Amino acid sequence: MHSLRRHLVVAGAIVALTAALTVVVPSVLASSSTTHTLTIVKNCSGTMTGKVGEYCTVTASNVPAIPKGTKVVYSGPVISSSVFLSSNVTIKASASSTATGYCMVDLHTGVGMCTFWKGTGKLAGFHAVIHGSYESATAYHWDGFYYTPGK
């Protein structure tokens, strides 16, 4: 019963945060800089087994600075739970172009949310709010908004 309660709390928090940020963030981002729609598909098949440093590979992206082949690396603290993922995340487009963020995902539904707040190289100043959804191990979708100051 305790496990079910914890699962429901995590799922509820993810849904509430996603709903709130979907309404509020686009208007805030729009006032800060030019916002762009973000659509990324990642393949996590065989590369995400619950260990720190594991990654997914971008298979499709409409963000020029995050091309196909970019690695999305998960560094914890919680990546081995069967209930949820709660992890620092680094988008590694190249050795000199990275973005730093945090993701939470309900592993039973595949629904999640990520935020990114800084970057280096071609991703310098990268900010994003992303809704995640699971289609399959080879197709995890990120949809949301992003901006990079001055771009």
N, C-alpha and C. Protein backbone atom coordinates (compact mmCIF):
# COMPACT_ATOMS: atom_id res chain seq x y z
N MET A 1 0.83 -1.20 0.00
CA MET A 1 0.00 0.00 0.00
C MET A 1 0.86 1.25 0.00
N HIS A 2 1.96 1.21 0.79
CA HIS A 2 2.86 2.36 0.87
C HIS A 2 3.47 2.66 -0.50
N SER A 3 3.83 1.60 -1.25
CA SER A 3 4.41 1.76 -2.59
C SER A 3 3.39 2.39 -3.54
N LEU A 4 2.16 1.96 -3.48
CA LEU A 4 1.11 2.52 -4.33
C LEU A 4 0.89 3.99 -4.01
N ARG A 5 0.86 4.34 -2.74
CA ARG A 5 0.67 5.72 -2.33
C ARG A 5 1.82 6.59 -2.87
N ARG A 6 3.05 6.10 -2.74
CA ARG A 6 4.21 6.85 -3.23
C ARG A 6 4.11 7.03 -4.75
N HIS A 7 3.70 5.97 -5.46
CA HIS A 7 3.53 6.04 -6.91
C HIS A 7 2.50 7.09 -7.29
N LEU A 8 1.38 7.11 -6.58
CA LEU A 8 0.33 8.09 -6.86
C LEU A 8 0.79 9.52 -6.58
N VAL A 9 1.57 9.71 -5.52
CA VAL A 9 2.10 11.04 -5.20
C VAL A 9 3.05 11.51 -6.29
N VAL A 10 3.96 10.64 -6.72
CA VAL A 10 4.90 11.01 -7.78
C VAL A 10 4.16 11.32 -9.07
N ALA A 11 3.23 10.46 -9.46
CA ALA A 11 2.47 10.67 -10.69
C ALA A 11 1.67 11.98 -10.61
N GLY A 12 1.06 12.23 -9.48
CA GLY A 12 0.29 13.46 -9.32
C GLY A 12 1.17 14.69 -9.41
N ALA A 13 2.33 14.64 -8.82
CA ALA A 13 3.26 15.78 -8.87
C ALA A 13 3.72 16.04 -10.30
N ILE A 14 4.02 14.99 -11.05
CA ILE A 14 4.45 15.16 -12.44
C ILE A 14 3.33 15.77 -13.27
N VAL A 15 2.13 15.26 -13.13
CA VAL A 15 0.99 15.78 -13.89
C VAL A 15 0.72 17.23 -13.52
N ALA A 16 0.74 17.56 -12.24
CA ALA A 16 0.46 18.93 -11.80
C ALA A 16 1.54 19.90 -12.32
N LEU A 17 2.79 19.52 -12.19
CA LEU A 17 3.87 20.39 -12.69
C LEU A 17 3.79 20.57 -14.19
N THR A 18 3.55 19.49 -14.92
CA THR A 18 3.45 19.58 -16.37
C THR A 18 2.30 20.50 -16.77
N ALA A 19 1.15 20.34 -16.14
CA ALA A 19 0.00 21.17 -16.47
C ALA A 19 0.27 22.64 -16.16
N ALA A 20 0.84 22.91 -15.00
CA ALA A 20 1.12 24.29 -14.61
C ALA A 20 2.14 24.93 -15.54
N LEU A 21 3.20 24.22 -15.84
CA LEU A 21 4.24 24.80 -16.68
C LEU A 21 3.82 24.93 -18.14
N THR A 22 2.94 24.06 -18.60
CA THR A 22 2.44 24.16 -19.97
C THR A 22 1.67 25.46 -20.16
N VAL A 23 0.99 25.92 -19.13
CA VAL A 23 0.21 27.15 -19.21
C VAL A 23 1.08 28.38 -18.94
N VAL A 24 1.92 28.36 -17.93
CA VAL A 24 2.66 29.53 -17.48
C VAL A 24 3.94 29.79 -18.27
N VAL A 25 4.73 28.77 -18.51
CA VAL A 25 6.07 28.95 -19.05
C VAL A 25 6.11 29.56 -20.45
N PRO A 26 5.27 29.12 -21.41
CA PRO A 26 5.38 29.75 -22.72
C PRO A 26 5.23 31.27 -22.69
N SER A 27 4.34 31.80 -21.85
CA SER A 27 4.19 33.25 -21.79
C SER A 27 5.38 33.91 -21.12
N VAL A 28 5.97 33.28 -20.12
CA VAL A 28 7.16 33.82 -19.46
C VAL A 28 8.34 33.80 -20.43
N LEU A 29 8.53 32.68 -21.12
CA LEU A 29 9.62 32.59 -22.08
C LEU A 29 9.43 33.59 -23.20
N ALA A 30 8.21 33.78 -23.64
CA ALA A 30 7.96 34.71 -24.73
C ALA A 30 8.36 36.12 -24.36
N SER A 31 8.20 36.48 -23.10
CA SER A 31 8.57 37.83 -22.69
C SER A 31 10.08 37.97 -22.53
N SER A 32 10.81 36.87 -22.40
CA SER A 32 12.25 36.91 -22.18
C SER A 32 13.04 36.89 -23.47
N SER A 33 12.58 36.22 -24.48
CA SER A 33 13.31 36.02 -25.71
C SER A 33 12.36 35.38 -26.71
N THR A 34 12.86 35.14 -27.90
CA THR A 34 12.05 34.45 -28.89
C THR A 34 12.00 32.97 -28.55
N THR A 35 10.78 32.44 -28.41
CA THR A 35 10.64 31.03 -28.09
C THR A 35 10.47 30.22 -29.37
N HIS A 36 10.86 28.97 -29.27
CA HIS A 36 10.74 28.05 -30.40
C HIS A 36 10.11 26.76 -29.89
N THR A 37 9.38 26.10 -30.74
CA THR A 37 8.83 24.80 -30.40
C THR A 37 9.95 23.78 -30.44
N LEU A 38 9.96 22.89 -29.47
CA LEU A 38 10.96 21.84 -29.39
C LEU A 38 10.28 20.50 -29.61
N THR A 39 10.81 19.72 -30.55
CA THR A 39 10.32 18.37 -30.79
C THR A 39 11.53 17.47 -30.99
N ILE A 40 11.73 16.55 -30.05
CA ILE A 40 12.87 15.63 -30.09
C ILE A 40 12.36 14.22 -29.82
N VAL A 41 12.94 13.26 -30.51
CA VAL A 41 12.67 11.84 -30.25
C VAL A 41 13.99 11.20 -29.86
N LYS A 42 13.95 10.40 -28.78
CA LYS A 42 15.16 9.73 -28.29
C LYS A 42 14.97 8.21 -28.31
N ASN A 43 16.08 7.50 -28.52
CA ASN A 43 16.11 6.05 -28.44
C ASN A 43 16.89 5.69 -27.18
N CYS A 44 16.24 5.01 -26.25
CA CYS A 44 16.87 4.61 -24.99
C CYS A 44 17.05 3.10 -24.91
N SER A 45 16.75 2.41 -25.97
CA SER A 45 16.79 0.95 -25.99
C SER A 45 18.20 0.43 -25.78
N GLY A 46 18.37 -0.34 -24.71
CA GLY A 46 19.65 -0.98 -24.42
C GLY A 46 20.68 -0.09 -23.76
N THR A 47 20.41 1.21 -23.66
CA THR A 47 21.39 2.13 -23.08
C THR A 47 20.94 2.71 -21.75
N MET A 48 19.73 2.39 -21.32
CA MET A 48 19.21 2.87 -20.03
C MET A 48 18.77 1.66 -19.21
N THR A 49 19.65 1.24 -18.29
CA THR A 49 19.34 0.08 -17.45
C THR A 49 19.36 0.44 -15.97
N GLY A 50 19.45 1.73 -15.65
CA GLY A 50 19.39 2.16 -14.25
C GLY A 50 20.73 2.49 -13.64
N LYS A 51 21.74 2.74 -14.45
CA LYS A 51 23.06 3.08 -13.91
C LYS A 51 23.41 4.53 -14.25
N VAL A 52 24.10 5.17 -13.32
CA VAL A 52 24.55 6.55 -13.52
C VAL A 52 25.43 6.62 -14.76
N GLY A 53 25.21 7.65 -15.56
CA GLY A 53 26.01 7.86 -16.77
C GLY A 53 25.44 7.24 -18.02
N GLU A 54 24.32 6.54 -17.88
CA GLU A 54 23.71 5.95 -19.06
C GLU A 54 22.99 7.03 -19.86
N TYR A 55 22.63 6.72 -21.09
CA TYR A 55 22.16 7.76 -22.00
C TYR A 55 21.12 7.25 -22.98
N CYS A 56 20.46 8.21 -23.60
CA CYS A 56 19.60 7.96 -24.74
C CYS A 56 20.22 8.72 -25.91
N THR A 57 19.90 8.31 -27.13
CA THR A 57 20.45 8.96 -28.32
C THR A 57 19.32 9.64 -29.08
N VAL A 58 19.52 10.89 -29.46
CA VAL A 58 18.53 11.63 -30.23
C VAL A 58 18.46 11.04 -31.64
N THR A 59 17.24 10.67 -32.06
CA THR A 59 17.04 10.13 -33.40
C THR A 59 16.34 11.11 -34.32
N ALA A 60 15.73 12.14 -33.75
CA ALA A 60 15.09 13.19 -34.54
C ALA A 60 15.02 14.45 -33.68
N SER A 61 15.24 15.61 -34.30
CA SER A 61 15.22 16.87 -33.56
C SER A 61 14.95 18.04 -34.50
N ASN A 62 14.14 18.98 -34.03
CA ASN A 62 13.94 20.21 -34.79
C ASN A 62 14.78 21.36 -34.22
N VAL A 63 15.65 21.06 -33.26
CA VAL A 63 16.53 22.07 -32.66
C VAL A 63 17.89 21.97 -33.35
N PRO A 64 18.28 22.99 -34.11
CA PRO A 64 19.54 22.92 -34.87
C PRO A 64 20.76 22.58 -34.02
N ALA A 65 20.81 23.06 -32.78
CA ALA A 65 21.97 22.82 -31.91
C ALA A 65 21.95 21.44 -31.25
N ILE A 66 20.86 20.67 -31.45
CA ILE A 66 20.74 19.31 -30.89
C ILE A 66 20.45 18.36 -32.05
N PRO A 67 21.48 18.01 -32.82
CA PRO A 67 21.26 17.17 -34.01
C PRO A 67 21.06 15.70 -33.67
N LYS A 68 20.62 14.96 -34.66
CA LYS A 68 20.52 13.51 -34.57
C LYS A 68 21.89 12.97 -34.13
N GLY A 69 21.89 12.01 -33.20
CA GLY A 69 23.13 11.44 -32.69
C GLY A 69 23.57 12.03 -31.36
N THR A 70 22.95 13.16 -30.96
CA THR A 70 23.27 13.78 -29.66
C THR A 70 22.93 12.81 -28.53
N LYS A 71 23.77 12.79 -27.49
CA LYS A 71 23.54 11.93 -26.33
C LYS A 71 22.85 12.75 -25.23
N VAL A 72 21.89 12.12 -24.56
CA VAL A 72 21.22 12.70 -23.40
C VAL A 72 21.61 11.81 -22.23
N VAL A 73 22.47 12.33 -21.34
CA VAL A 73 23.09 11.53 -20.29
C VAL A 73 22.40 11.78 -18.95
N TYR A 74 22.07 10.71 -18.23
CA TYR A 74 21.38 10.77 -16.95
C TYR A 74 22.37 10.45 -15.82
N SER A 75 22.45 11.36 -14.82
CA SER A 75 23.45 11.18 -13.76
C SER A 75 22.86 11.06 -12.36
N GLY A 76 21.57 10.81 -12.26
CA GLY A 76 20.96 10.57 -10.95
C GLY A 76 20.51 11.85 -10.27
N PRO A 77 19.95 11.75 -9.10
CA PRO A 77 20.21 10.71 -8.11
C PRO A 77 19.36 9.45 -8.24
N VAL A 78 18.15 9.51 -8.83
CA VAL A 78 17.28 8.32 -8.85
C VAL A 78 17.07 7.89 -10.30
N ILE A 79 17.81 6.87 -10.74
CA ILE A 79 17.60 6.34 -12.08
C ILE A 79 17.38 4.83 -12.08
N SER A 80 17.48 4.19 -10.91
CA SER A 80 17.31 2.74 -10.85
C SER A 80 15.98 2.32 -10.22
N SER A 81 15.11 3.26 -9.92
CA SER A 81 13.81 2.94 -9.34
C SER A 81 12.90 2.32 -10.41
N SER A 82 12.01 1.46 -9.99
CA SER A 82 11.02 0.91 -10.93
C SER A 82 9.78 1.79 -10.99
N VAL A 83 9.74 2.82 -10.15
CA VAL A 83 8.57 3.69 -10.07
C VAL A 83 8.77 5.01 -10.82
N PHE A 84 9.94 5.64 -10.62
CA PHE A 84 10.15 6.93 -11.27
C PHE A 84 11.64 7.18 -11.51
N LEU A 85 11.91 8.10 -12.42
CA LEU A 85 13.25 8.60 -12.66
C LEU A 85 13.26 10.05 -12.20
N SER A 86 14.28 10.44 -11.47
CA SER A 86 14.46 11.82 -11.02
C SER A 86 15.95 12.08 -11.14
N SER A 87 16.35 12.82 -12.19
CA SER A 87 17.76 12.85 -12.51
C SER A 87 18.24 14.17 -13.09
N ASN A 88 19.48 14.51 -12.75
CA ASN A 88 20.19 15.54 -13.48
C ASN A 88 20.43 15.00 -14.88
N VAL A 89 20.37 15.87 -15.88
CA VAL A 89 20.49 15.45 -17.27
C VAL A 89 21.43 16.40 -18.00
N THR A 90 22.27 15.84 -18.86
CA THR A 90 23.13 16.66 -19.71
C THR A 90 22.89 16.27 -21.15
N ILE A 91 22.52 17.26 -21.96
CA ILE A 91 22.44 17.05 -23.41
C ILE A 91 23.85 17.31 -23.93
N LYS A 92 24.45 16.30 -24.57
CA LYS A 92 25.82 16.42 -25.09
C LYS A 92 25.78 16.38 -26.62
N ALA A 93 25.62 17.56 -27.22
CA ALA A 93 25.61 17.66 -28.68
C ALA A 93 27.02 17.47 -29.22
N SER A 94 28.03 17.91 -28.46
CA SER A 94 29.44 17.71 -28.78
C SER A 94 30.22 17.92 -27.49
N ALA A 95 31.53 17.75 -27.54
CA ALA A 95 32.35 17.94 -26.34
C ALA A 95 32.25 19.37 -25.81
N SER A 96 32.00 20.34 -26.70
CA SER A 96 31.95 21.74 -26.28
C SER A 96 30.54 22.33 -26.28
N SER A 97 29.54 21.56 -26.65
CA SER A 97 28.15 22.05 -26.67
C SER A 97 27.28 21.13 -25.82
N THR A 98 26.95 21.63 -24.61
CA THR A 98 26.13 20.84 -23.69
C THR A 98 25.03 21.72 -23.10
N ALA A 99 23.99 21.08 -22.60
CA ALA A 99 22.93 21.78 -21.87
C ALA A 99 22.67 21.02 -20.57
N THR A 100 22.42 21.76 -19.50
CA THR A 100 22.22 21.18 -18.18
C THR A 100 20.76 21.30 -17.77
N GLY A 101 20.20 20.20 -17.24
CA GLY A 101 18.82 20.23 -16.82
C GLY A 101 18.48 19.15 -15.80
N TYR A 102 17.18 18.96 -15.60
CA TYR A 102 16.68 17.98 -14.64
C TYR A 102 15.39 17.39 -15.18
N CYS A 103 15.23 16.08 -15.04
CA CYS A 103 14.02 15.39 -15.52
C CYS A 103 13.41 14.55 -14.42
N MET A 104 12.08 14.47 -14.45
CA MET A 104 11.32 13.54 -13.61
C MET A 104 10.37 12.79 -14.54
N VAL A 105 10.34 11.46 -14.41
CA VAL A 105 9.49 10.64 -15.27
C VAL A 105 8.80 9.57 -14.42
N ASP A 106 7.50 9.44 -14.59
CA ASP A 106 6.74 8.35 -13.99
C ASP A 106 6.97 7.13 -14.88
N LEU A 107 7.67 6.14 -14.39
CA LEU A 107 8.06 5.00 -15.22
C LEU A 107 6.91 4.04 -15.51
N HIS A 108 5.79 4.19 -14.82
CA HIS A 108 4.63 3.35 -15.13
C HIS A 108 3.84 3.90 -16.30
N THR A 109 3.79 5.21 -16.43
CA THR A 109 3.03 5.82 -17.52
C THR A 109 3.93 6.34 -18.63
N GLY A 110 5.20 6.59 -18.32
CA GLY A 110 6.12 7.16 -19.31
C GLY A 110 5.99 8.66 -19.45
N VAL A 111 5.13 9.28 -18.64
CA VAL A 111 4.93 10.73 -18.71
C VAL A 111 5.97 11.40 -17.82
N GLY A 112 6.56 12.46 -18.33
CA GLY A 112 7.56 13.16 -17.55
C GLY A 112 7.68 14.63 -17.91
N MET A 113 8.61 15.28 -17.23
CA MET A 113 8.86 16.69 -17.46
C MET A 113 10.34 16.97 -17.24
N CYS A 114 10.91 17.80 -18.10
CA CYS A 114 12.31 18.21 -17.97
C CYS A 114 12.41 19.71 -18.08
N THR A 115 13.37 20.28 -17.38
CA THR A 115 13.69 21.70 -17.54
C THR A 115 15.19 21.81 -17.76
N PHE A 116 15.58 22.73 -18.60
CA PHE A 116 17.00 23.02 -18.85
C PHE A 116 17.21 24.50 -18.65
N TRP A 117 18.32 24.88 -18.02
CA TRP A 117 18.52 26.27 -17.65
C TRP A 117 19.87 26.87 -18.02
N LYS A 118 20.77 26.07 -18.59
CA LYS A 118 22.03 26.65 -19.04
C LYS A 118 22.69 25.73 -20.05
N GLY A 119 23.63 26.30 -20.79
CA GLY A 119 24.33 25.50 -21.78
C GLY A 119 25.69 26.10 -22.11
N THR A 120 26.45 25.36 -22.92
CA THR A 120 27.76 25.80 -23.38
C THR A 120 27.83 25.66 -24.89
N GLY A 121 28.82 26.32 -25.50
CA GLY A 121 29.02 26.22 -26.94
C GLY A 121 27.78 26.65 -27.71
N LYS A 122 27.35 25.82 -28.67
CA LYS A 122 26.16 26.14 -29.47
C LYS A 122 24.88 26.14 -28.63
N LEU A 123 24.95 25.57 -27.43
CA LEU A 123 23.79 25.56 -26.53
C LEU A 123 23.92 26.59 -25.40
N ALA A 124 24.84 27.54 -25.54
CA ALA A 124 25.02 28.59 -24.51
C ALA A 124 23.71 29.33 -24.31
N GLY A 125 23.30 29.46 -23.05
CA GLY A 125 22.06 30.16 -22.71
C GLY A 125 20.80 29.35 -22.97
N PHE A 126 20.91 28.08 -23.31
CA PHE A 126 19.75 27.24 -23.64
C PHE A 126 18.85 27.09 -22.43
N HIS A 127 17.57 27.38 -22.63
CA HIS A 127 16.53 27.19 -21.61
C HIS A 127 15.37 26.45 -22.28
N ALA A 128 14.80 25.48 -21.56
CA ALA A 128 13.68 24.72 -22.14
C ALA A 128 12.79 24.16 -21.05
N VAL A 129 11.54 23.98 -21.41
CA VAL A 129 10.57 23.26 -20.59
C VAL A 129 9.97 22.21 -21.52
N ILE A 130 10.09 20.95 -21.09
CA ILE A 130 9.76 19.84 -21.98
C ILE A 130 8.80 18.86 -21.30
N HIS A 131 7.81 18.43 -22.05
CA HIS A 131 6.90 17.37 -21.64
C HIS A 131 7.39 16.10 -22.32
N GLY A 132 7.57 15.03 -21.56
CA GLY A 132 8.03 13.77 -22.13
C GLY A 132 6.91 12.75 -22.18
N SER A 133 6.94 11.91 -23.23
CA SER A 133 5.95 10.84 -23.33
C SER A 133 6.59 9.62 -24.00
N TYR A 134 6.21 8.46 -23.51
CA TYR A 134 6.77 7.19 -23.94
C TYR A 134 5.90 6.57 -25.03
N GLU A 135 6.53 6.29 -26.16
CA GLU A 135 5.85 5.52 -27.20
C GLU A 135 6.39 4.09 -27.20
N SER A 136 7.72 3.98 -27.12
CA SER A 136 8.40 2.68 -27.04
C SER A 136 9.83 2.94 -26.56
N ALA A 137 10.60 1.88 -26.32
CA ALA A 137 11.98 2.05 -25.88
C ALA A 137 12.81 2.78 -26.94
N THR A 138 12.38 2.70 -28.18
CA THR A 138 13.12 3.37 -29.25
C THR A 138 12.51 4.71 -29.63
N ALA A 139 11.44 5.11 -28.95
CA ALA A 139 10.80 6.39 -29.29
C ALA A 139 10.22 7.05 -28.04
N TYR A 140 11.06 7.81 -27.34
CA TYR A 140 10.60 8.62 -26.22
C TYR A 140 10.56 10.06 -26.71
N HIS A 141 9.39 10.68 -26.65
CA HIS A 141 9.19 12.01 -27.24
C HIS A 141 9.38 13.12 -26.22
N TRP A 142 10.08 14.15 -26.62
CA TRP A 142 10.18 15.41 -25.88
C TRP A 142 9.50 16.48 -26.71
N ASP A 143 8.51 17.14 -26.14
CA ASP A 143 7.80 18.23 -26.79
C ASP A 143 7.72 19.40 -25.84
N GLY A 144 7.99 20.61 -26.32
CA GLY A 144 7.92 21.76 -25.44
C GLY A 144 8.38 23.02 -26.13
N PHE A 145 8.99 23.90 -25.34
CA PHE A 145 9.45 25.20 -25.82
C PHE A 145 10.88 25.42 -25.37
N TYR A 146 11.63 26.16 -26.18
CA TYR A 146 13.00 26.49 -25.79
C TYR A 146 13.34 27.89 -26.29
N TYR A 147 14.33 28.47 -25.68
CA TYR A 147 14.91 29.71 -26.21
C TYR A 147 16.38 29.75 -25.87
N THR A 148 17.08 30.46 -26.69
CA THR A 148 18.49 30.76 -26.48
C THR A 148 18.61 32.26 -26.67
N PRO A 149 19.04 33.00 -25.66
CA PRO A 149 19.09 34.46 -25.77
C PRO A 149 19.78 34.92 -27.06
N GLY A 150 19.15 35.84 -27.73
CA GLY A 150 19.71 36.41 -28.95
C GLY A 150 19.49 35.57 -30.19
N LYS A 151 18.78 34.45 -30.06
CA LYS A 151 18.57 33.59 -31.23
C LYS A 151 17.11 33.30 -31.43
